[in-house]
Amino acid sequence: MSPITPKRLFLGFAPTAAEKTSLLKLQQACEQADEQSGPGLKKVTAANLHLTLAFLGQVTAKQQRDLLAAIPGLPLKHFRVRLEHLCFWPGPKILCLTGTAEDPALMALAKAAQQLADDLGLHSSEYDYRPHITLMRRAGNLPKLEHIPTLDLTPSELQLYESLSTPTGVEYRILASWPLSD
C-alpha cells in the first residue's frame, strides 16, 4: 500500500453568482489595462474565485480528520466584509481585491481558524488577517483603472478547499462546508 499524500488545504468562502459576475468584470478590466503594458496576466478561473480565510498548507489524513472534527467548534457567525481596494502583491505576483477585517465576527473567526491551524501543526501565517480575493496571477504591477467596484460580501457558509494541480491548471475543490449562523 502506498502512503497517503498530504492534501494542500485552505479555508475560505465562495462568492455568490452575482459577486462572481462583478469579479469577472474587474478581471476583464485588469486584463485590458495590462495589454497596454504587455500581456502576461493569468485570470483566476471563475470556479476558483474565493475569499480566503486561512491557508493551511500540506495536511495529512490525521490532521484533516482532526480539522473536520474541530471546525464546527469555531465561531461560525455571519459577517459582512467590504472589498474595495485593488492591490498588487509583488511576492506572489498577484492582483487581488482586498478590504479590512472590521466585522467582529470575521475577526473572531479568522483568529480562531489561525489558532486551530497552530494547534494542529499546520501552516501559520506571519501576517495579520487581510480579507482578499485573488483575481489575477503573474502580475508585474498594479493596472491603472478608472473605477474599482466595491464588493460587500456576506457569506452564508465556510468551506474547506483542496488545491489540486491538474493538467489544465490548479483547481480548488470544496471538500466540506459549514453554515454560518446569526
N, C-alpha and C. Protein backbone atom coordinates (compact mmCIF):
# COMPACT_ATOMS: atom_id res chain seq x y z
N MET A 1 0.85 -1.18 0.00
CA MET A 1 0.00 0.00 0.00
C MET A 1 0.89 1.24 0.00
N SER A 2 0.57 2.21 -0.86
CA SER A 2 1.37 3.44 -0.92
C SER A 2 0.89 4.41 0.15
N PRO A 3 1.82 5.24 0.66
CA PRO A 3 1.42 6.21 1.69
C PRO A 3 0.46 7.24 1.10
N ILE A 4 -0.43 7.73 1.96
CA ILE A 4 -1.39 8.75 1.52
C ILE A 4 -0.67 10.08 1.44
N THR A 5 -0.81 10.73 0.31
CA THR A 5 -0.17 12.02 0.08
C THR A 5 -0.94 13.11 0.82
N PRO A 6 -0.24 13.99 1.53
CA PRO A 6 -0.94 15.10 2.17
C PRO A 6 -1.66 15.96 1.13
N LYS A 7 -2.72 16.60 1.57
CA LYS A 7 -3.50 17.49 0.70
C LYS A 7 -3.17 18.93 1.03
N ARG A 8 -3.17 19.77 0.01
CA ARG A 8 -2.96 21.21 0.19
C ARG A 8 -4.33 21.83 0.41
N LEU A 9 -4.58 22.32 1.64
CA LEU A 9 -5.92 22.77 2.01
C LEU A 9 -5.94 24.23 2.48
N PHE A 10 -7.11 24.83 2.38
CA PHE A 10 -7.33 26.17 2.93
C PHE A 10 -8.80 26.34 3.24
N LEU A 11 -9.09 27.30 4.11
CA LEU A 11 -10.46 27.65 4.46
C LEU A 11 -10.83 28.94 3.73
N GLY A 12 -12.07 29.02 3.26
CA GLY A 12 -12.49 30.22 2.55
C GLY A 12 -13.99 30.26 2.36
N PHE A 13 -14.41 31.22 1.56
CA PHE A 13 -15.82 31.46 1.31
C PHE A 13 -16.04 31.64 -0.19
N ALA A 14 -17.02 30.95 -0.73
CA ALA A 14 -17.34 31.06 -2.15
C ALA A 14 -18.23 32.29 -2.38
N PRO A 15 -17.91 33.10 -3.40
CA PRO A 15 -18.80 34.23 -3.71
C PRO A 15 -20.09 33.74 -4.37
N THR A 16 -21.13 34.55 -4.26
CA THR A 16 -22.40 34.24 -4.93
C THR A 16 -22.23 34.45 -6.43
N ALA A 17 -23.22 34.04 -7.20
CA ALA A 17 -23.17 34.21 -8.66
C ALA A 17 -23.05 35.69 -9.03
N ALA A 18 -23.79 36.55 -8.35
CA ALA A 18 -23.73 37.99 -8.64
C ALA A 18 -22.35 38.56 -8.30
N GLU A 19 -21.79 38.11 -7.17
CA GLU A 19 -20.46 38.57 -6.78
C GLU A 19 -19.41 38.10 -7.78
N LYS A 20 -19.55 36.86 -8.27
CA LYS A 20 -18.62 36.35 -9.29
C LYS A 20 -18.69 37.19 -10.56
N THR A 21 -19.90 37.58 -10.95
CA THR A 21 -20.06 38.41 -12.14
C THR A 21 -19.29 39.71 -12.00
N SER A 22 -19.40 40.35 -10.85
CA SER A 22 -18.67 41.59 -10.59
C SER A 22 -17.16 41.35 -10.62
N LEU A 23 -16.70 40.25 -10.03
CA LEU A 23 -15.27 39.92 -10.02
C LEU A 23 -14.75 39.64 -11.43
N LEU A 24 -15.55 38.96 -12.24
CA LEU A 24 -15.13 38.66 -13.62
C LEU A 24 -15.03 39.94 -14.45
N LYS A 25 -15.92 40.91 -14.21
CA LYS A 25 -15.83 42.20 -14.90
C LYS A 25 -14.56 42.94 -14.50
N LEU A 26 -14.21 42.87 -13.23
CA LEU A 26 -12.98 43.51 -12.75
C LEU A 26 -11.76 42.82 -13.35
N GLN A 27 -11.78 41.51 -13.45
CA GLN A 27 -10.69 40.78 -14.11
C GLN A 27 -10.51 41.26 -15.55
N GLN A 28 -11.62 41.40 -16.25
CA GLN A 28 -11.58 41.84 -17.66
C GLN A 28 -10.96 43.23 -17.76
N ALA A 29 -11.34 44.13 -16.87
CA ALA A 29 -10.78 45.48 -16.88
C ALA A 29 -9.28 45.44 -16.59
N CYS A 30 -8.86 44.59 -15.66
CA CYS A 30 -7.42 44.46 -15.36
C CYS A 30 -6.66 43.91 -16.56
N GLU A 31 -7.26 42.93 -17.20
CA GLU A 31 -6.62 42.32 -18.37
C GLU A 31 -6.47 43.33 -19.51
N GLN A 32 -7.50 44.12 -19.74
CA GLN A 32 -7.43 45.13 -20.80
C GLN A 32 -6.40 46.20 -20.47
N ALA A 33 -6.33 46.62 -19.23
CA ALA A 33 -5.34 47.63 -18.83
C ALA A 33 -3.93 47.06 -18.95
N ASP A 34 -3.76 45.77 -18.66
CA ASP A 34 -2.44 45.14 -18.72
C ASP A 34 -1.95 44.99 -20.16
N GLU A 35 -2.88 44.80 -21.10
CA GLU A 35 -2.48 44.64 -22.50
C GLU A 35 -1.73 45.86 -23.01
N GLN A 36 -2.00 47.01 -22.42
CA GLN A 36 -1.32 48.24 -22.84
C GLN A 36 0.14 48.24 -22.41
N SER A 37 0.47 47.49 -21.32
CA SER A 37 1.86 47.46 -20.86
C SER A 37 2.54 46.13 -21.17
N GLY A 38 1.87 45.28 -21.92
CA GLY A 38 2.41 43.98 -22.28
C GLY A 38 1.65 42.89 -21.56
N PRO A 39 1.11 41.92 -22.33
CA PRO A 39 0.30 40.89 -21.70
C PRO A 39 1.12 39.98 -20.80
N GLY A 40 0.45 39.27 -19.93
CA GLY A 40 1.14 38.35 -19.04
C GLY A 40 0.27 37.89 -17.90
N LEU A 41 -0.78 38.66 -17.60
CA LEU A 41 -1.67 38.29 -16.51
C LEU A 41 -2.40 36.98 -16.81
N LYS A 42 -2.63 36.20 -15.77
CA LYS A 42 -3.41 34.98 -15.90
C LYS A 42 -4.60 35.08 -14.96
N LYS A 43 -5.80 35.04 -15.52
CA LYS A 43 -7.01 35.15 -14.71
C LYS A 43 -7.21 33.90 -13.85
N VAL A 44 -7.66 34.12 -12.61
CA VAL A 44 -8.13 33.03 -11.78
C VAL A 44 -9.48 32.62 -12.37
N THR A 45 -9.69 31.32 -12.58
CA THR A 45 -10.95 30.87 -13.17
C THR A 45 -12.12 31.22 -12.27
N ALA A 46 -13.28 31.37 -12.87
CA ALA A 46 -14.49 31.71 -12.10
C ALA A 46 -14.74 30.67 -11.00
N ALA A 47 -14.50 29.40 -11.30
CA ALA A 47 -14.72 28.34 -10.31
C ALA A 47 -13.76 28.44 -9.13
N ASN A 48 -12.60 29.08 -9.32
CA ASN A 48 -11.60 29.16 -8.26
C ASN A 48 -11.68 30.45 -7.43
N LEU A 49 -12.55 31.38 -7.80
CA LEU A 49 -12.65 32.63 -7.04
C LEU A 49 -13.20 32.34 -5.64
N HIS A 50 -12.55 32.89 -4.63
CA HIS A 50 -12.96 32.68 -3.24
C HIS A 50 -12.35 33.75 -2.36
N LEU A 51 -12.97 33.98 -1.23
CA LEU A 51 -12.42 34.85 -0.19
C LEU A 51 -11.66 33.94 0.76
N THR A 52 -10.36 34.14 0.86
CA THR A 52 -9.52 33.30 1.71
C THR A 52 -9.73 33.65 3.18
N LEU A 53 -9.86 32.62 4.02
CA LEU A 53 -9.87 32.82 5.47
C LEU A 53 -8.52 32.41 6.05
N ALA A 54 -8.07 31.19 5.73
CA ALA A 54 -6.80 30.70 6.28
C ALA A 54 -6.20 29.66 5.36
N PHE A 55 -4.94 29.86 4.98
CA PHE A 55 -4.20 28.85 4.23
C PHE A 55 -3.65 27.86 5.24
N LEU A 56 -3.88 26.58 5.00
CA LEU A 56 -3.48 25.55 5.95
C LEU A 56 -2.25 24.76 5.51
N GLY A 57 -1.91 24.82 4.24
CA GLY A 57 -0.74 24.12 3.73
C GLY A 57 -0.98 22.63 3.54
N GLN A 58 0.10 21.86 3.61
CA GLN A 58 0.03 20.41 3.42
C GLN A 58 -0.56 19.77 4.68
N VAL A 59 -1.65 19.03 4.50
CA VAL A 59 -2.40 18.47 5.61
C VAL A 59 -2.44 16.94 5.47
N THR A 60 -2.01 16.24 6.51
CA THR A 60 -2.05 14.78 6.50
C THR A 60 -3.49 14.31 6.72
N ALA A 61 -3.71 13.03 6.49
CA ALA A 61 -5.05 12.46 6.69
C ALA A 61 -5.50 12.63 8.14
N LYS A 62 -4.61 12.39 9.10
CA LYS A 62 -4.97 12.56 10.51
C LYS A 62 -5.28 14.01 10.83
N GLN A 63 -4.44 14.93 10.34
CA GLN A 63 -4.70 16.36 10.57
C GLN A 63 -6.03 16.76 9.96
N GLN A 64 -6.36 16.20 8.78
CA GLN A 64 -7.63 16.54 8.14
C GLN A 64 -8.80 16.03 8.99
N ARG A 65 -8.70 14.83 9.53
CA ARG A 65 -9.77 14.30 10.40
C ARG A 65 -9.94 15.21 11.62
N ASP A 66 -8.80 15.60 12.22
CA ASP A 66 -8.86 16.49 13.40
C ASP A 66 -9.45 17.85 13.03
N LEU A 67 -9.08 18.34 11.87
CA LEU A 67 -9.59 19.62 11.37
C LEU A 67 -11.11 19.55 11.18
N LEU A 68 -11.57 18.50 10.52
CA LEU A 68 -13.01 18.34 10.27
C LEU A 68 -13.79 18.22 11.58
N ALA A 69 -13.19 17.60 12.58
CA ALA A 69 -13.86 17.47 13.87
C ALA A 69 -13.90 18.80 14.62
N ALA A 70 -12.87 19.63 14.43
CA ALA A 70 -12.76 20.88 15.20
C ALA A 70 -13.49 22.07 14.58
N ILE A 71 -13.65 22.10 13.29
CA ILE A 71 -14.23 23.28 12.64
C ILE A 71 -15.63 23.63 13.15
N PRO A 72 -16.51 22.67 13.41
CA PRO A 72 -17.83 23.05 13.94
C PRO A 72 -17.75 23.82 15.26
N GLY A 73 -16.64 23.72 15.98
CA GLY A 73 -16.47 24.44 17.23
C GLY A 73 -15.96 25.87 17.06
N LEU A 74 -15.65 26.26 15.82
CA LEU A 74 -15.22 27.64 15.56
C LEU A 74 -16.42 28.59 15.67
N PRO A 75 -16.18 29.88 15.90
CA PRO A 75 -17.30 30.84 15.97
C PRO A 75 -17.84 31.14 14.56
N LEU A 76 -18.69 30.25 14.07
CA LEU A 76 -19.21 30.31 12.70
C LEU A 76 -20.41 31.26 12.63
N LYS A 77 -20.14 32.56 12.71
CA LYS A 77 -21.18 33.59 12.71
C LYS A 77 -21.17 34.36 11.39
N HIS A 78 -22.36 34.81 10.98
CA HIS A 78 -22.46 35.65 9.79
C HIS A 78 -21.64 36.92 9.98
N PHE A 79 -21.10 37.43 8.89
CA PHE A 79 -20.33 38.67 8.91
C PHE A 79 -20.49 39.37 7.57
N ARG A 80 -20.05 40.60 7.55
CA ARG A 80 -20.01 41.39 6.31
C ARG A 80 -18.60 41.93 6.16
N VAL A 81 -18.09 41.87 4.95
CA VAL A 81 -16.78 42.46 4.67
C VAL A 81 -16.86 43.20 3.35
N ARG A 82 -16.30 44.39 3.34
CA ARG A 82 -16.27 45.21 2.12
C ARG A 82 -14.88 45.10 1.50
N LEU A 83 -14.85 44.69 0.24
CA LEU A 83 -13.62 44.64 -0.54
C LEU A 83 -13.68 45.81 -1.51
N GLU A 84 -12.68 46.69 -1.42
CA GLU A 84 -12.76 47.91 -2.22
C GLU A 84 -11.42 48.41 -2.77
N HIS A 85 -10.35 47.66 -2.51
CA HIS A 85 -9.03 48.10 -2.97
C HIS A 85 -8.42 47.03 -3.87
N LEU A 86 -7.97 47.44 -5.04
CA LEU A 86 -7.22 46.54 -5.90
C LEU A 86 -5.76 46.65 -5.49
N CYS A 87 -5.15 45.53 -5.15
CA CYS A 87 -3.77 45.53 -4.67
C CYS A 87 -2.90 44.61 -5.51
N PHE A 88 -1.64 45.00 -5.65
CA PHE A 88 -0.61 44.16 -6.27
C PHE A 88 0.30 43.68 -5.16
N TRP A 89 0.41 42.36 -5.02
CA TRP A 89 1.31 41.78 -4.03
C TRP A 89 2.51 41.22 -4.79
N PRO A 90 3.67 41.91 -4.72
CA PRO A 90 4.81 41.54 -5.55
C PRO A 90 5.41 40.17 -5.24
N GLY A 91 5.39 39.72 -3.98
CA GLY A 91 5.97 38.41 -3.65
C GLY A 91 5.35 37.30 -4.48
N PRO A 92 4.04 37.09 -4.34
CA PRO A 92 3.39 36.04 -5.14
C PRO A 92 2.98 36.52 -6.56
N LYS A 93 3.21 37.80 -6.85
CA LYS A 93 2.86 38.38 -8.16
C LYS A 93 1.37 38.19 -8.49
N ILE A 94 0.52 38.67 -7.56
CA ILE A 94 -0.92 38.56 -7.77
C ILE A 94 -1.58 39.92 -7.65
N LEU A 95 -2.73 40.03 -8.31
CA LEU A 95 -3.64 41.15 -8.12
C LEU A 95 -4.82 40.62 -7.34
N CYS A 96 -5.21 41.35 -6.30
CA CYS A 96 -6.36 40.91 -5.52
C CYS A 96 -7.20 42.10 -5.10
N LEU A 97 -8.46 41.80 -4.87
CA LEU A 97 -9.39 42.77 -4.33
C LEU A 97 -9.37 42.57 -2.82
N THR A 98 -9.03 43.63 -2.08
CA THR A 98 -8.84 43.50 -0.64
C THR A 98 -9.76 44.44 0.13
N GLY A 99 -9.84 44.18 1.40
CA GLY A 99 -10.60 45.03 2.30
C GLY A 99 -9.98 44.94 3.68
N THR A 100 -10.70 45.45 4.66
CA THR A 100 -10.22 45.43 6.04
C THR A 100 -11.18 44.60 6.87
N ALA A 101 -10.62 43.73 7.70
CA ALA A 101 -11.44 42.90 8.58
C ALA A 101 -11.87 43.75 9.76
N GLU A 102 -13.06 44.33 9.67
CA GLU A 102 -13.59 45.18 10.74
C GLU A 102 -14.72 44.51 11.51
N ASP A 103 -15.45 43.61 10.85
CA ASP A 103 -16.58 42.96 11.50
C ASP A 103 -16.04 42.04 12.60
N PRO A 104 -16.51 42.22 13.85
CA PRO A 104 -16.01 41.38 14.95
C PRO A 104 -16.18 39.87 14.70
N ALA A 105 -17.25 39.48 14.01
CA ALA A 105 -17.48 38.06 13.74
C ALA A 105 -16.41 37.51 12.79
N LEU A 106 -16.03 38.29 11.77
CA LEU A 106 -14.97 37.86 10.85
C LEU A 106 -13.63 37.82 11.57
N MET A 107 -13.35 38.83 12.37
CA MET A 107 -12.08 38.87 13.09
C MET A 107 -11.96 37.68 14.05
N ALA A 108 -13.05 37.36 14.73
CA ALA A 108 -13.03 36.23 15.67
C ALA A 108 -12.84 34.91 14.93
N LEU A 109 -13.49 34.76 13.78
CA LEU A 109 -13.36 33.53 13.01
C LEU A 109 -11.95 33.38 12.45
N ALA A 110 -11.39 34.47 11.93
CA ALA A 110 -10.02 34.43 11.39
C ALA A 110 -9.02 34.06 12.48
N LYS A 111 -9.18 34.65 13.66
CA LYS A 111 -8.28 34.36 14.77
C LYS A 111 -8.42 32.90 15.21
N ALA A 112 -9.66 32.42 15.31
CA ALA A 112 -9.90 31.04 15.73
C ALA A 112 -9.37 30.04 14.70
N ALA A 113 -9.52 30.36 13.42
CA ALA A 113 -9.01 29.47 12.36
C ALA A 113 -7.50 29.39 12.42
N GLN A 114 -6.84 30.51 12.66
CA GLN A 114 -5.38 30.51 12.76
C GLN A 114 -4.93 29.75 14.00
N GLN A 115 -5.66 29.91 15.10
CA GLN A 115 -5.31 29.17 16.33
C GLN A 115 -5.47 27.67 16.10
N LEU A 116 -6.54 27.28 15.39
CA LEU A 116 -6.76 25.87 15.09
C LEU A 116 -5.61 25.33 14.24
N ALA A 117 -5.20 26.10 13.23
CA ALA A 117 -4.07 25.68 12.39
C ALA A 117 -2.82 25.49 13.25
N ASP A 118 -2.57 26.43 14.14
CA ASP A 118 -1.41 26.32 15.05
C ASP A 118 -1.52 25.05 15.91
N ASP A 119 -2.71 24.83 16.48
CA ASP A 119 -2.92 23.68 17.36
C ASP A 119 -2.68 22.35 16.63
N LEU A 120 -2.99 22.32 15.33
CA LEU A 120 -2.85 21.08 14.55
C LEU A 120 -1.49 20.98 13.85
N GLY A 121 -0.63 21.97 14.07
CA GLY A 121 0.69 21.93 13.45
C GLY A 121 0.66 22.24 11.96
N LEU A 122 -0.32 23.02 11.54
CA LEU A 122 -0.46 23.39 10.13
C LEU A 122 0.19 24.74 9.86
N HIS A 123 0.12 25.20 8.63
CA HIS A 123 0.73 26.47 8.25
C HIS A 123 0.24 27.59 9.15
N SER A 124 1.15 28.43 9.57
CA SER A 124 0.83 29.56 10.43
C SER A 124 1.23 30.84 9.73
N SER A 125 0.27 31.70 9.47
CA SER A 125 0.57 32.95 8.77
C SER A 125 1.34 33.90 9.67
N GLU A 126 2.31 34.55 9.09
CA GLU A 126 3.09 35.54 9.85
C GLU A 126 2.44 36.91 9.78
N TYR A 127 1.38 37.05 9.02
CA TYR A 127 0.71 38.33 8.82
C TYR A 127 -0.63 38.36 9.51
N ASP A 128 -1.11 39.56 9.84
CA ASP A 128 -2.47 39.72 10.32
C ASP A 128 -3.42 39.38 9.19
N TYR A 129 -4.61 38.92 9.53
CA TYR A 129 -5.59 38.54 8.52
C TYR A 129 -6.00 39.75 7.67
N ARG A 130 -5.96 39.57 6.38
CA ARG A 130 -6.41 40.59 5.44
C ARG A 130 -7.33 39.93 4.42
N PRO A 131 -8.62 40.22 4.50
CA PRO A 131 -9.55 39.58 3.56
C PRO A 131 -9.20 39.97 2.12
N HIS A 132 -9.18 38.96 1.26
CA HIS A 132 -8.85 39.22 -0.14
C HIS A 132 -9.39 38.12 -1.04
N ILE A 133 -9.59 38.49 -2.30
CA ILE A 133 -9.92 37.55 -3.36
C ILE A 133 -8.87 37.74 -4.45
N THR A 134 -8.11 36.70 -4.73
CA THR A 134 -7.11 36.77 -5.80
C THR A 134 -7.84 36.74 -7.14
N LEU A 135 -7.51 37.73 -7.97
CA LEU A 135 -8.15 37.86 -9.29
C LEU A 135 -7.24 37.41 -10.42
N MET A 136 -5.95 37.76 -10.31
CA MET A 136 -5.00 37.52 -11.41
C MET A 136 -3.67 37.04 -10.84
N ARG A 137 -3.00 36.22 -11.60
CA ARG A 137 -1.66 35.76 -11.27
C ARG A 137 -0.68 36.28 -12.32
N ARG A 138 0.60 36.14 -12.05
CA ARG A 138 1.67 36.59 -12.95
C ARG A 138 1.62 38.10 -13.20
N ALA A 139 1.22 38.83 -12.20
CA ALA A 139 1.12 40.29 -12.33
C ALA A 139 2.51 40.91 -12.16
N GLY A 140 2.74 41.99 -12.88
CA GLY A 140 4.00 42.71 -12.75
C GLY A 140 3.84 44.05 -12.08
N ASN A 141 2.60 44.53 -12.05
CA ASN A 141 2.33 45.83 -11.43
C ASN A 141 0.83 45.98 -11.23
N LEU A 142 0.46 47.11 -10.69
CA LEU A 142 -0.95 47.42 -10.46
C LEU A 142 -1.49 48.15 -11.69
N PRO A 143 -2.48 47.58 -12.38
CA PRO A 143 -3.02 48.28 -13.55
C PRO A 143 -3.74 49.56 -13.15
N LYS A 144 -3.71 50.53 -14.03
CA LYS A 144 -4.40 51.80 -13.78
C LYS A 144 -5.84 51.66 -14.27
N LEU A 145 -6.76 51.65 -13.31
CA LEU A 145 -8.17 51.54 -13.63
C LEU A 145 -8.89 52.79 -13.14
N GLU A 146 -9.87 53.24 -13.91
CA GLU A 146 -10.64 54.42 -13.51
C GLU A 146 -11.59 54.11 -12.37
N HIS A 147 -12.08 52.86 -12.32
CA HIS A 147 -13.10 52.52 -11.32
C HIS A 147 -12.81 51.13 -10.75
N ILE A 148 -12.77 51.04 -9.44
CA ILE A 148 -12.67 49.76 -8.74
C ILE A 148 -14.01 49.53 -8.05
N PRO A 149 -14.72 48.48 -8.43
CA PRO A 149 -16.03 48.26 -7.79
C PRO A 149 -15.87 47.86 -6.33
N THR A 150 -16.82 48.28 -5.53
CA THR A 150 -16.88 47.87 -4.14
C THR A 150 -17.72 46.61 -4.07
N LEU A 151 -17.23 45.63 -3.35
CA LEU A 151 -17.95 44.37 -3.23
C LEU A 151 -18.21 44.12 -1.74
N ASP A 152 -19.47 44.06 -1.35
CA ASP A 152 -19.85 43.75 0.02
C ASP A 152 -20.23 42.28 0.07
N LEU A 153 -19.43 41.49 0.75
CA LEU A 153 -19.67 40.06 0.86
C LEU A 153 -20.33 39.72 2.19
N THR A 154 -21.31 38.85 2.13
CA THR A 154 -21.97 38.33 3.33
C THR A 154 -22.12 36.82 3.14
N PRO A 155 -21.03 36.08 3.29
CA PRO A 155 -21.08 34.63 3.05
C PRO A 155 -22.07 33.94 3.98
N SER A 156 -22.57 32.81 3.50
CA SER A 156 -23.50 32.01 4.31
C SER A 156 -22.86 30.72 4.79
N GLU A 157 -21.69 30.35 4.22
CA GLU A 157 -21.02 29.11 4.59
C GLU A 157 -19.51 29.28 4.59
N LEU A 158 -18.86 28.54 5.45
CA LEU A 158 -17.40 28.39 5.43
C LEU A 158 -17.10 27.10 4.69
N GLN A 159 -16.12 27.15 3.79
CA GLN A 159 -15.74 25.97 3.03
C GLN A 159 -14.31 25.56 3.33
N LEU A 160 -14.07 24.25 3.30
CA LEU A 160 -12.72 23.69 3.32
C LEU A 160 -12.42 23.30 1.88
N TYR A 161 -11.36 23.91 1.33
CA TYR A 161 -10.98 23.68 -0.06
C TYR A 161 -9.71 22.85 -0.13
N GLU A 162 -9.62 22.07 -1.22
CA GLU A 162 -8.37 21.40 -1.57
C GLU A 162 -7.86 22.04 -2.85
N SER A 163 -6.58 22.35 -2.87
CA SER A 163 -5.92 22.89 -4.06
C SER A 163 -5.26 21.72 -4.79
N LEU A 164 -5.76 21.44 -5.99
CA LEU A 164 -5.26 20.31 -6.78
C LEU A 164 -4.58 20.80 -8.04
N SER A 165 -3.41 20.26 -8.33
CA SER A 165 -2.75 20.55 -9.61
C SER A 165 -3.26 19.53 -10.62
N THR A 166 -3.78 20.04 -11.73
CA THR A 166 -4.30 19.18 -12.79
C THR A 166 -3.59 19.55 -14.10
N PRO A 167 -3.72 18.71 -15.13
CA PRO A 167 -3.10 19.04 -16.42
C PRO A 167 -3.59 20.37 -17.00
N THR A 168 -4.78 20.80 -16.60
CA THR A 168 -5.33 22.06 -17.13
C THR A 168 -5.11 23.23 -16.18
N GLY A 169 -4.42 23.01 -15.06
CA GLY A 169 -4.16 24.08 -14.11
C GLY A 169 -4.66 23.71 -12.72
N VAL A 170 -4.52 24.64 -11.81
CA VAL A 170 -4.94 24.40 -10.43
C VAL A 170 -6.46 24.47 -10.34
N GLU A 171 -7.02 23.53 -9.57
CA GLU A 171 -8.45 23.54 -9.29
C GLU A 171 -8.64 23.56 -7.78
N TYR A 172 -9.60 24.35 -7.34
CA TYR A 172 -9.96 24.39 -5.93
C TYR A 172 -11.27 23.64 -5.77
N ARG A 173 -11.23 22.55 -5.01
CA ARG A 173 -12.42 21.73 -4.81
C ARG A 173 -12.88 21.86 -3.37
N ILE A 174 -14.17 22.06 -3.20
CA ILE A 174 -14.75 22.16 -1.85
C ILE A 174 -14.92 20.75 -1.30
N LEU A 175 -14.29 20.49 -0.15
CA LEU A 175 -14.37 19.18 0.50
C LEU A 175 -15.47 19.11 1.54
N ALA A 176 -15.75 20.25 2.18
CA ALA A 176 -16.78 20.29 3.23
C ALA A 176 -17.22 21.74 3.41
N SER A 177 -18.44 21.91 3.93
CA SER A 177 -18.99 23.24 4.18
C SER A 177 -19.71 23.25 5.53
N TRP A 178 -19.70 24.42 6.16
CA TRP A 178 -20.38 24.62 7.43
C TRP A 178 -21.17 25.92 7.34
N PRO A 179 -22.47 25.90 7.72
CA PRO A 179 -23.27 27.12 7.66
C PRO A 179 -22.82 28.13 8.72
N LEU A 180 -22.95 29.39 8.37
CA LEU A 180 -22.71 30.49 9.32
C LEU A 180 -24.07 30.84 9.93
N SER A 181 -24.08 31.15 11.22
CA SER A 181 -25.35 31.46 11.90
C SER A 181 -25.37 32.89 12.41
N ASP A 182 -26.54 33.31 12.86
CA ASP A 182 -26.69 34.66 13.41
C ASP A 182 -26.18 34.75 14.83
